[in-house]
Amino acid sequence: MIEQSRDQIAGMLLDAYASRQPVEPLTEKYADLTLEDAYEIQLLQVQHWRHEGARIRGHKVGLTSAAMQRQLGVDQPDYGHLLDGMFWLENEPIPAARFLQPRVEPEIAFVLAGELRGPGVTVADAIGAVGFVLPALELIDSRIRDWRIGLLDTIADNASSAGVILGSSPVPLAGADLRLAGCNLHKNGQLAGTGAGGAVLGSPLTALVWLANTVGKRGVVLEPGQVILPGSVTAAIPVGPGDTVTATFAGLGSVTARFTAEQAGPGAEDDAEEGR
């Protein structure tokens, strides 16, 4: 794909953030779109946001569980960037109007204490670099109409990233068996999904290693202080105004997100352009 087409697609997606109007599936219009194109389109948007003052605060791995791969019809993971404007405090009212077609998924977040420089990162390296883990909810959203996405669509769309809500009880990695950490996901008090850390490529640590080695091939280093979301342990659930979602992980605690009907304020367009 020529550079001009990449710029055009990146511009379309940036416009979708600002207008709250989704675009048609990219792979239907651009039959020659490749994996490399999709990641370059993602980076063009990240560069735009950074130019506007946003900071990269971490990365997310998506499509790591069988449930999410079945839900979206893909067969391999992807990754995206987490920017500072994407982070919400637990129980902070989140205006649903900021998003197009939001969904929520429960994850076990890693907070790094050391750097991970791939390729060649091992599980032992990853364990040594993790400062602690937190229960988390990832807010995903698609700028592609009706979530009609394939792998290349979601990669170009920053892996459908939208927001992050972190719990407030850090747990040392040595104190948790992430594979066996069960999760109950509740929406408005009703059980909406169950899962366990082992649903994420066998272990969330595997996803962290995959990410470090995959971005490492592109010259990207995972840095101390960054938050890494390794993937959802359940299928994602849709959310809207008035919804409250809580994920409770055995041994890790819980985290809650609350969505309001409040309309986006005067600065919403600026926040959207910065990835929030």
C-alpha atoms as a PDB file:
ATOM      1  CA  MET A   1       0.000   0.000   0.000  1.00  0.00           C
ATOM      2  CA  ILE A   2       1.331   3.435  -0.869  1.00  0.00           C
ATOM      3  CA  GLU A   3       2.101   5.943   1.888  1.00  0.00           C
ATOM      4  CA  GLN A   4      -0.661   8.270   0.708  1.00  0.00           C
ATOM      5  CA  SER A   5      -3.285   5.576   1.334  1.00  0.00           C
ATOM      6  CA  ARG A   6      -1.946   4.957   4.842  1.00  0.00           C
ATOM      7  CA  ASP A   7      -2.202   8.674   5.597  1.00  0.00           C
ATOM      8  CA  GLN A   8      -5.741   8.721   4.233  1.00  0.00           C
ATOM      9  CA  ILE A   9      -6.897   5.819   6.412  1.00  0.00           C
ATOM     10  CA  ALA A  10      -5.245   7.295   9.513  1.00  0.00           C
ATOM     11  CA  GLY A  11      -7.056  10.568   8.809  1.00  0.00           C
ATOM     12  CA  MET A  12     -10.391   8.760   8.447  1.00  0.00           C
ATOM     13  CA  LEU A  13      -9.948   7.089  11.827  1.00  0.00           C
ATOM     14  CA  LEU A  14      -8.897  10.333  13.515  1.00  0.00           C
ATOM     15  CA  ASP A  15     -12.002  11.998  12.079  1.00  0.00           C
ATOM     16  CA  ALA A  16     -14.129   9.183  13.513  1.00  0.00           C
ATOM     17  CA  TYR A  17     -12.795   9.942  17.005  1.00  0.00           C
ATOM     18  CA  ALA A  18     -13.722  13.600  16.646  1.00  0.00           C
ATOM     19  CA  SER A  19     -17.107  13.175  14.933  1.00  0.00           C
ATOM     20  CA  ARG A  20     -18.259  10.044  16.826  1.00  0.00           C
ATOM     21  CA  GLN A  21     -19.234   8.679  13.423  1.00  0.00           C
ATOM     22  CA  PRO A  22     -17.790   5.241  12.601  1.00  0.00           C
ATOM     23  CA  VAL A  23     -16.330   4.363   9.218  1.00  0.00           C
ATOM     24  CA  GLU A  24     -16.977   1.347   7.040  1.00  0.00           C
ATOM     25  CA  PRO A  25     -14.644  -1.658   7.423  1.00  0.00           C
ATOM     26  CA  LEU A  26     -11.217  -0.760   6.082  1.00  0.00           C
ATOM     27  CA  THR A  27     -10.623  -4.186   4.586  1.00  0.00           C
ATOM     28  CA  GLU A  28     -13.737  -3.834   2.419  1.00  0.00           C
ATOM     29  CA  LYS A  29     -12.445  -0.652   0.811  1.00  0.00           C
ATOM     30  CA  TYR A  30      -8.713  -1.396   0.786  1.00  0.00           C
ATOM     31  CA  ALA A  31      -8.255  -4.956  -0.420  1.00  0.00           C
ATOM     32  CA  ASP A  32      -4.463  -4.616  -0.478  1.00  0.00           C
ATOM     33  CA  LEU A  33      -4.185  -3.676   3.215  1.00  0.00           C
ATOM     34  CA  THR A  34      -1.426  -5.708   4.909  1.00  0.00           C
ATOM     35  CA  LEU A  35      -0.415  -6.367   8.511  1.00  0.00           C
ATOM     36  CA  GLU A  36       2.489  -3.951   8.130  1.00  0.00           C
ATOM     37  CA  ASP A  37       0.151  -1.302   6.700  1.00  0.00           C
ATOM     38  CA  ALA A  38      -2.233  -1.699   9.628  1.00  0.00           C
ATOM     39  CA  TYR A  39       0.474  -1.165  12.250  1.00  0.00           C
ATOM     40  CA  GLU A  40       1.877   1.810  10.329  1.00  0.00           C
ATOM     41  CA  ILE A  41      -1.611   3.356  10.235  1.00  0.00           C
ATOM     42  CA  GLN A  42      -1.865   2.839  13.995  1.00  0.00           C
ATOM     43  CA  LEU A  43       1.490   4.574  14.491  1.00  0.00           C
ATOM     44  CA  LEU A  44       0.462   7.532  12.328  1.00  0.00           C
ATOM     45  CA  GLN A  45      -2.407   8.162  14.743  1.00  0.00           C
ATOM     46  CA  VAL A  46      -0.165   7.739  17.781  1.00  0.00           C
ATOM     47  CA  GLN A  47       2.269  10.246  16.293  1.00  0.00           C
ATOM     48  CA  HIS A  48      -0.595  12.687  15.779  1.00  0.00           C
ATOM     49  CA  TRP A  49      -1.732  12.335  19.399  1.00  0.00           C
ATOM     50  CA  ARG A  50       1.816  12.735  20.704  1.00  0.00           C
ATOM     51  CA  HIS A  51       2.245  15.854  18.598  1.00  0.00           C
ATOM     52  CA  GLU A  52      -0.907  17.163  20.311  1.00  0.00           C
ATOM     53  CA  GLY A  53       0.674  16.541  23.724  1.00  0.00           C
ATOM     54  CA  ALA A  54      -0.439  13.023  24.631  1.00  0.00           C
ATOM     55  CA  ARG A  55       1.985  10.625  26.313  1.00  0.00           C
ATOM     56  CA  ILE A  56       2.299   6.867  25.897  1.00  0.00           C
ATOM     57  CA  ARG A  57       1.608   5.268  29.279  1.00  0.00           C
ATOM     58  CA  GLY A  58       1.608   1.636  28.215  1.00  0.00           C
ATOM     59  CA  HIS A  59       0.377  -0.937  25.743  1.00  0.00           C
ATOM     60  CA  LYS A  60      -2.453  -3.405  25.439  1.00  0.00           C
ATOM     61  CA  VAL A  61      -2.523  -6.866  23.959  1.00  0.00           C
ATOM     62  CA  GLY A  62      -5.818  -7.792  22.404  1.00  0.00           C
ATOM     63  CA  LEU A  63      -7.509 -10.899  21.073  1.00  0.00           C
ATOM     64  CA  THR A  64      -5.598 -13.246  23.360  1.00  0.00           C
ATOM     65  CA  SER A  65      -8.486 -15.373  24.608  1.00  0.00           C
ATOM     66  CA  ALA A  66     -10.435 -17.915  22.618  1.00  0.00           C
ATOM     67  CA  ALA A  67     -13.626 -16.093  23.657  1.00  0.00           C
ATOM     68  CA  MET A  68     -12.483 -12.781  22.170  1.00  0.00           C
ATOM     69  CA  GLN A  69     -11.085 -14.416  19.027  1.00  0.00           C
ATOM     70  CA  ARG A  70     -14.420 -16.172  18.455  1.00  0.00           C
ATOM     71  CA  GLN A  71     -16.351 -12.989  19.207  1.00  0.00           C
ATOM     72  CA  LEU A  72     -14.437 -10.972  16.618  1.00  0.00           C
ATOM     73  CA  GLY A  73     -13.567 -13.729  14.150  1.00  0.00           C
ATOM     74  CA  VAL A  74      -9.767 -13.519  14.342  1.00  0.00           C
ATOM     75  CA  ASP A  75      -7.047 -16.065  15.041  1.00  0.00           C
ATOM     76  CA  GLN A  76      -4.079 -14.166  16.522  1.00  0.00           C
ATOM     77  CA  PRO A  77      -3.312 -11.419  19.060  1.00  0.00           C
ATOM     78  CA  ASP A  78      -2.649  -7.790  18.285  1.00  0.00           C
ATOM     79  CA  TYR A  79      -1.409  -4.792  20.242  1.00  0.00           C
ATOM     80  CA  GLY A  80      -2.178  -1.127  20.672  1.00  0.00           C
ATOM     81  CA  HIS A  81      -0.991   1.943  22.561  1.00  0.00           C
ATOM     82  CA  LEU A  82      -2.368   3.288  25.847  1.00  0.00           C
ATOM     83  CA  LEU A  83      -2.203   7.086  26.118  1.00  0.00           C
ATOM     84  CA  ASP A  84      -2.480   9.170  29.262  1.00  0.00           C
ATOM     85  CA  GLY A  85      -5.919  10.469  28.302  1.00  0.00           C
ATOM     86  CA  MET A  86      -7.329   6.940  28.274  1.00  0.00           C
ATOM     87  CA  PHE A  87      -7.001   6.369  32.032  1.00  0.00           C
ATOM     88  CA  TRP A  88     -10.030   6.818  34.297  1.00  0.00           C
ATOM     89  CA  LEU A  89     -10.084   6.603  38.076  1.00  0.00           C
ATOM     90  CA  GLU A  90     -12.101   3.794  39.594  1.00  0.00           C
ATOM     91  CA  ASN A  91     -15.730   4.869  40.149  1.00  0.00           C
ATOM     92  CA  GLU A  92     -15.086   8.137  38.278  1.00  0.00           C
ATOM     93  CA  PRO A  93     -18.152   8.902  36.136  1.00  0.00           C
ATOM     94  CA  ILE A  94     -17.325   7.990  32.538  1.00  0.00           C
ATOM     95  CA  PRO A  95     -19.492   9.842  29.991  1.00  0.00           C
ATOM     96  CA  ALA A  96     -20.712   7.172  27.592  1.00  0.00           C
ATOM     97  CA  ALA A  97     -21.244   9.862  24.953  1.00  0.00           C
ATOM     98  CA  ARG A  98     -17.491  10.120  24.467  1.00  0.00           C
ATOM     99  CA  PHE A  99     -17.498   6.758  22.720  1.00  0.00           C
ATOM    100  CA  LEU A 100     -19.063   5.272  19.607  1.00  0.00           C
ATOM    101  CA  GLN A 101     -19.939   1.674  20.523  1.00  0.00           C
ATOM    102  CA  PRO A 102     -18.165   0.881  23.795  1.00  0.00           C
ATOM    103  CA  ARG A 103     -17.609  -2.483  25.382  1.00  0.00           C
ATOM    104  CA  VAL A 104     -15.852  -3.524  28.590  1.00  0.00           C
ATOM    105  CA  GLU A 105     -13.608  -6.483  29.339  1.00  0.00           C
ATOM    106  CA  PRO A 106     -11.834  -7.604  32.551  1.00  0.00           C
ATOM    107  CA  GLU A 107      -8.058  -7.929  32.600  1.00  0.00           C
ATOM    108  CA  ILE A 108      -5.104  -8.438  34.942  1.00  0.00           C
ATOM    109  CA  ALA A 109      -2.912  -5.370  34.469  1.00  0.00           C
ATOM    110  CA  PHE A 110       0.866  -5.461  34.815  1.00  0.00           C
ATOM    111  CA  VAL A 111       2.727  -2.400  36.079  1.00  0.00           C
ATOM    112  CA  LEU A 112       6.387  -2.605  35.125  1.00  0.00           C
ATOM    113  CA  ALA A 113       9.268  -1.885  37.496  1.00  0.00           C
ATOM    114  CA  GLY A 114      11.963  -2.663  34.930  1.00  0.00           C
ATOM    115  CA  GLU A 115      12.302  -2.431  31.177  1.00  0.00           C
ATOM    116  CA  LEU A 116      11.650  -5.217  28.711  1.00  0.00           C
ATOM    117  CA  ARG A 117      13.661  -4.973  25.529  1.00  0.00           C
ATOM    118  CA  GLY A 118      12.831  -7.568  22.890  1.00  0.00           C
ATOM    119  CA  PRO A 119      13.225  -9.630  20.890  1.00  0.00           C
ATOM    120  CA  GLY A 120      14.531 -12.466  23.010  1.00  0.00           C
ATOM    121  CA  VAL A 121      12.543 -11.700  26.181  1.00  0.00           C
ATOM    122  CA  THR A 122      11.786 -14.814  28.241  1.00  0.00           C
ATOM    123  CA  VAL A 123       9.141 -15.545  30.861  1.00  0.00           C
ATOM    124  CA  ALA A 124      11.858 -15.147  33.508  1.00  0.00           C
ATOM    125  CA  ASP A 125      12.714 -11.705  32.116  1.00  0.00           C
ATOM    126  CA  ALA A 126       9.061 -10.712  32.202  1.00  0.00           C
ATOM    127  CA  ILE A 127       8.614 -11.885  35.796  1.00  0.00           C
ATOM    128  CA  GLY A 128      11.653  -9.877  36.843  1.00  0.00           C
ATOM    129  CA  ALA A 129      10.342  -6.712  35.206  1.00  0.00           C
ATOM    130  CA  VAL A 130       6.858  -6.736  36.770  1.00  0.00           C
ATOM    131  CA  GLY A 131       6.444  -4.489  39.789  1.00  0.00           C
ATOM    132  CA  PHE A 132       2.916  -5.569  40.691  1.00  0.00           C
ATOM    133  CA  VAL A 133      -0.436  -6.505  39.180  1.00  0.00           C
ATOM    134  CA  LEU A 134      -3.847  -4.869  39.457  1.00  0.00           C
ATOM    135  CA  PRO A 135      -7.403  -5.846  38.563  1.00  0.00           C
ATOM    136  CA  ALA A 136      -8.450  -3.769  35.563  1.00  0.00           C
ATOM    137  CA  LEU A 137     -11.275  -3.058  33.183  1.00  0.00           C
ATOM    138  CA  GLU A 138     -10.429  -2.172  29.622  1.00  0.00           C
ATOM    139  CA  LEU A 139     -12.873  -0.018  27.725  1.00  0.00           C
ATOM    140  CA  ILE A 140     -12.730  -0.953  24.063  1.00  0.00           C
ATOM    141  CA  ASP A 141     -14.411   0.890  21.239  1.00  0.00           C
ATOM    142  CA  SER A 142     -14.360   0.545  17.488  1.00  0.00           C
ATOM    143  CA  ARG A 143     -14.225   3.336  14.983  1.00  0.00           C
ATOM    144  CA  ILE A 144     -15.385   0.687  12.480  1.00  0.00           C
ATOM    145  CA  ARG A 145     -19.154   0.555  11.985  1.00  0.00           C
ATOM    146  CA  ASP A 146     -21.031  -2.140  13.926  1.00  0.00           C
ATOM    147  CA  TRP A 147     -17.796  -3.804  15.028  1.00  0.00           C
ATOM    148  CA  ARG A 148     -17.511  -5.409  11.580  1.00  0.00           C
ATOM    149  CA  ILE A 149     -13.796  -5.857  12.024  1.00  0.00           C
ATOM    150  CA  GLY A 150     -11.100  -8.240  10.981  1.00  0.00           C
ATOM    151  CA  LEU A 151      -7.595  -8.364  12.387  1.00  0.00           C
ATOM    152  CA  LEU A 152      -6.280  -5.616  10.110  1.00  0.00           C
ATOM    153  CA  ASP A 153      -9.201  -3.309  10.863  1.00  0.00           C
ATOM    154  CA  THR A 154      -8.676  -3.480  14.605  1.00  0.00           C
ATOM    155  CA  ILE A 155      -4.886  -3.129  14.393  1.00  0.00           C
ATOM    156  CA  ALA A 156      -5.205   0.018  12.285  1.00  0.00           C
ATOM    157  CA  ASP A 157      -7.741   1.290  14.838  1.00  0.00           C
ATOM    158  CA  ASN A 158      -5.173   1.098  17.677  1.00  0.00           C
ATOM    159  CA  ALA A 159      -6.423  -2.365  18.624  1.00  0.00           C
ATOM    160  CA  SER A 160      -9.861  -0.896  19.436  1.00  0.00           C
ATOM    161  CA  SER A 161      -8.394   0.902  22.460  1.00  0.00           C
ATOM    162  CA  ALA A 162     -10.544   3.430  24.318  1.00  0.00           C
ATOM    163  CA  GLY A 163      -9.975   3.472  28.071  1.00  0.00           C
ATOM    164  CA  VAL A 164      -8.505   1.832  31.161  1.00  0.00           C
ATOM    165  CA  ILE A 165      -9.818   1.634  34.719  1.00  0.00           C
ATOM    166  CA  LEU A 166      -7.300   0.274  37.223  1.00  0.00           C
ATOM    167  CA  GLY A 167      -8.063  -1.151  40.644  1.00  0.00           C
ATOM    168  CA  SER A 168      -6.312   0.342  43.646  1.00  0.00           C
ATOM    169  CA  SER A 169      -4.952  -2.715  45.471  1.00  0.00           C
ATOM    170  CA  PRO A 170      -1.537  -3.704  44.055  1.00  0.00           C
ATOM    171  CA  VAL A 171      -0.567  -7.348  44.431  1.00  0.00           C
ATOM    172  CA  PRO A 172       3.029  -8.624  44.112  1.00  0.00           C
ATOM    173  CA  LEU A 173       3.441 -11.069  41.265  1.00  0.00           C
ATOM    174  CA  ALA A 174       4.885 -13.642  43.658  1.00  0.00           C
ATOM    175  CA  GLY A 175       1.631 -13.578  45.604  1.00  0.00           C
ATOM    176  CA  ALA A 176      -0.647 -14.564  42.751  1.00  0.00           C
ATOM    177  CA  ASP A 177      -1.124 -17.494  40.391  1.00  0.00           C
ATOM    178  CA  LEU A 178      -2.340 -15.554  37.396  1.00  0.00           C
ATOM    179  CA  ARG A 179      -3.390 -18.645  35.468  1.00  0.00           C
ATOM    180  CA  LEU A 180      -5.826 -19.727  38.180  1.00  0.00           C
ATOM    181  CA  ALA A 181      -7.104 -16.275  39.128  1.00  0.00           C
ATOM    182  CA  GLY A 182     -10.823 -16.583  38.480  1.00  0.00           C
ATOM    183  CA  CYS A 183     -12.918 -13.585  37.512  1.00  0.00           C
ATOM    184  CA  ASN A 184     -16.608 -12.761  37.867  1.00  0.00           C
ATOM    185  CA  LEU A 185     -17.796  -9.894  35.691  1.00  0.00           C
ATOM    186  CA  HIS A 186     -20.986  -8.157  36.846  1.00  0.00           C
ATOM    187  CA  LYS A 187     -23.040  -5.572  34.966  1.00  0.00           C
ATOM    188  CA  ASN A 188     -25.629  -3.698  37.005  1.00  0.00           C
ATOM    189  CA  GLY A 189     -25.432  -6.364  39.686  1.00  0.00           C
ATOM    190  CA  GLN A 190     -26.031  -9.282  37.308  1.00  0.00           C
ATOM    191  CA  LEU A 191     -23.387 -11.830  36.433  1.00  0.00           C
ATOM    192  CA  ALA A 192     -22.331 -11.089  32.850  1.00  0.00           C
ATOM    193  CA  GLY A 193     -19.313 -13.354  32.409  1.00  0.00           C
ATOM    194  CA  THR A 194     -16.779 -15.596  34.080  1.00  0.00           C
ATOM    195  CA  GLY A 195     -13.230 -16.516  33.232  1.00  0.00           C
ATOM    196  CA  ALA A 196      -9.725 -16.995  34.549  1.00  0.00           C
ATOM    197  CA  GLY A 197      -6.256 -15.715  33.783  1.00  0.00           C
ATOM    198  CA  GLY A 198      -5.410 -18.924  31.977  1.00  0.00           C
ATOM    199  CA  ALA A 199      -7.765 -17.860  29.174  1.00  0.00           C
ATOM    200  CA  VAL A 200      -5.108 -15.345  28.108  1.00  0.00           C
ATOM    201  CA  LEU A 201      -2.702 -17.439  25.987  1.00  0.00           C
ATOM    202  CA  GLY A 202      -2.453 -19.908  28.881  1.00  0.00           C
ATOM    203  CA  SER A 203      -1.148 -17.172  31.195  1.00  0.00           C
ATOM    204  CA  PRO A 204      -1.154 -13.357  31.117  1.00  0.00           C
ATOM    205  CA  LEU A 205       2.642 -13.568  31.401  1.00  0.00           C
ATOM    206  CA  THR A 206       2.736 -15.245  27.995  1.00  0.00           C
ATOM    207  CA  ALA A 207       0.947 -12.226  26.544  1.00  0.00           C
ATOM    208  CA  LEU A 208       3.472  -9.891  28.178  1.00  0.00           C
ATOM    209  CA  VAL A 209       6.357 -11.852  26.643  1.00  0.00           C
ATOM    210  CA  TRP A 210       4.626 -11.864  23.255  1.00  0.00           C
ATOM    211  CA  LEU A 211       4.177  -8.089  23.419  1.00  0.00           C
ATOM    212  CA  ALA A 212       7.762  -7.352  24.466  1.00  0.00           C
ATOM    213  CA  ASN A 213       9.168  -9.469  21.644  1.00  0.00           C
ATOM    214  CA  THR A 214       6.686  -8.225  19.035  1.00  0.00           C
ATOM    215  CA  VAL A 215       7.191  -4.511  19.679  1.00  0.00           C
ATOM    216  CA  GLY A 216      10.896  -5.124  20.224  1.00  0.00           C
ATOM    217  CA  LYS A 217      11.228  -6.073  16.578  1.00  0.00           C
ATOM    218  CA  ARG A 218       9.992  -2.545  15.841  1.00  0.00           C
ATOM    219  CA  GLY A 219      12.538  -0.950  18.160  1.00  0.00           C
ATOM    220  CA  VAL A 220      10.031  -0.290  20.973  1.00  0.00           C
ATOM    221  CA  VAL A 221      11.045  -0.878  24.600  1.00  0.00           C
ATOM    222  CA  LEU A 222       8.499  -1.496  27.373  1.00  0.00           C
ATOM    223  CA  GLU A 223       9.544   0.964  30.065  1.00  0.00           C
ATOM    224  CA  PRO A 224       9.341   1.087  33.888  1.00  0.00           C
ATOM    225  CA  GLY A 225       6.048   2.542  35.083  1.00  0.00           C
ATOM    226  CA  GLN A 226       4.148   1.495  31.995  1.00  0.00           C
ATOM    227  CA  VAL A 227       0.840  -0.345  32.304  1.00  0.00           C
ATOM    228  CA  ILE A 228       0.437  -3.456  30.193  1.00  0.00           C
ATOM    229  CA  LEU A 229      -2.970  -4.990  29.592  1.00  0.00           C
ATOM    230  CA  PRO A 230      -2.431  -8.610  28.510  1.00  0.00           C
ATOM    231  CA  GLY A 231      -5.933  -9.393  27.228  1.00  0.00           C
ATOM    232  CA  SER A 232      -9.439 -10.133  28.424  1.00  0.00           C
ATOM    233  CA  VAL A 233     -10.371 -13.207  30.421  1.00  0.00           C
ATOM    234  CA  THR A 234     -13.979 -13.113  29.155  1.00  0.00           C
ATOM    235  CA  ALA A 235     -15.871 -11.956  26.103  1.00  0.00           C
ATOM    236  CA  ALA A 236     -16.435  -8.188  26.053  1.00  0.00           C
ATOM    237  CA  ILE A 237     -19.823  -6.807  27.113  1.00  0.00           C
ATOM    238  CA  PRO A 238     -21.536  -3.676  25.718  1.00  0.00           C
ATOM    239  CA  VAL A 239     -22.057  -0.711  28.025  1.00  0.00           C
ATOM    240  CA  GLY A 240     -24.031   2.525  27.915  1.00  0.00           C
ATOM    241  CA  PRO A 241     -25.317   5.370  30.090  1.00  0.00           C
ATOM    242  CA  GLY A 242     -26.316   4.251  33.564  1.00  0.00           C
ATOM    243  CA  ASP A 243     -24.360   0.997  33.514  1.00  0.00           C
ATOM    244  CA  THR A 244     -22.023  -0.081  36.299  1.00  0.00           C
ATOM    245  CA  VAL A 245     -19.509  -2.859  35.654  1.00  0.00           C
ATOM    246  CA  THR A 246     -17.415  -4.642  38.281  1.00  0.00           C
ATOM    247  CA  ALA A 247     -14.740  -7.263  37.773  1.00  0.00           C
ATOM    248  CA  THR A 248     -13.743  -9.325  40.801  1.00  0.00           C
ATOM    249  CA  PHE A 249     -10.592 -11.433  40.580  1.00  0.00           C
ATOM    250  CA  ALA A 250      -9.784 -14.139  43.118  1.00  0.00           C
ATOM    251  CA  GLY A 251      -6.710 -13.045  45.062  1.00  0.00           C
ATOM    252  CA  LEU A 252      -6.487  -9.680  43.297  1.00  0.00           C
ATOM    253  CA  GLY A 253      -9.566  -7.757  44.391  1.00  0.00           C
ATOM    254  CA  SER A 254     -12.086  -5.855  42.316  1.00  0.00           C
ATOM    255  CA  VAL A 255     -12.436  -2.822  40.075  1.00  0.00           C
ATOM    256  CA  THR A 256     -15.553  -0.889  39.100  1.00  0.00           C
ATOM    257  CA  ALA A 257     -16.431   1.396  36.187  1.00  0.00           C
ATOM    258  CA  ARG A 258     -19.505   3.612  36.163  1.00  0.00           C
ATOM    259  CA  PHE A 259     -20.954   5.097  32.974  1.00  0.00           C
ATOM    260  CA  THR A 260     -23.126   8.203  32.917  1.00  0.00           C
ATOM    261  CA  ALA A 261     -25.459   9.861  30.456  1.00  0.00           C
ATOM    262  CA  GLU A 262     -23.551  13.130  30.782  1.00  0.00           C
ATOM    263  CA  GLN A 263     -22.798  14.620  27.391  1.00  0.00           C
ATOM    264  CA  ALA A 264     -19.217  15.214  26.346  1.00  0.00           C
ATOM    265  CA  GLY A 265     -18.124  18.678  27.454  1.00  0.00           C
ATOM    266  CA  PRO A 266     -16.552  21.536  25.471  1.00  0.00           C
ATOM    267  CA  GLY A 267     -13.145  19.842  25.525  1.00  0.00           C
ATOM    268  CA  ALA A 268     -14.411  16.494  24.279  1.00  0.00           C
ATOM    269  CA  GLU A 269     -13.113  16.934  20.760  1.00  0.00           C
ATOM    270  CA  ASP A 270      -9.654  17.732  22.110  1.00  0.00           C
ATOM    271  CA  ASP A 271      -9.800  14.681  24.381  1.00  0.00           C
ATOM    272  CA  ALA A 272     -10.885  12.513  21.438  1.00  0.00           C
ATOM    273  CA  GLU A 273      -7.980  13.677  19.349  1.00  0.00           C
ATOM    274  CA  GLU A 274      -5.665  12.756  22.232  1.00  0.00           C
ATOM    275  CA  GLY A 275      -7.136   9.260  22.395  1.00  0.00           C
ATOM    276  CA  ARG A 276      -9.720   9.825  25.124  1.00  0.00           C
END
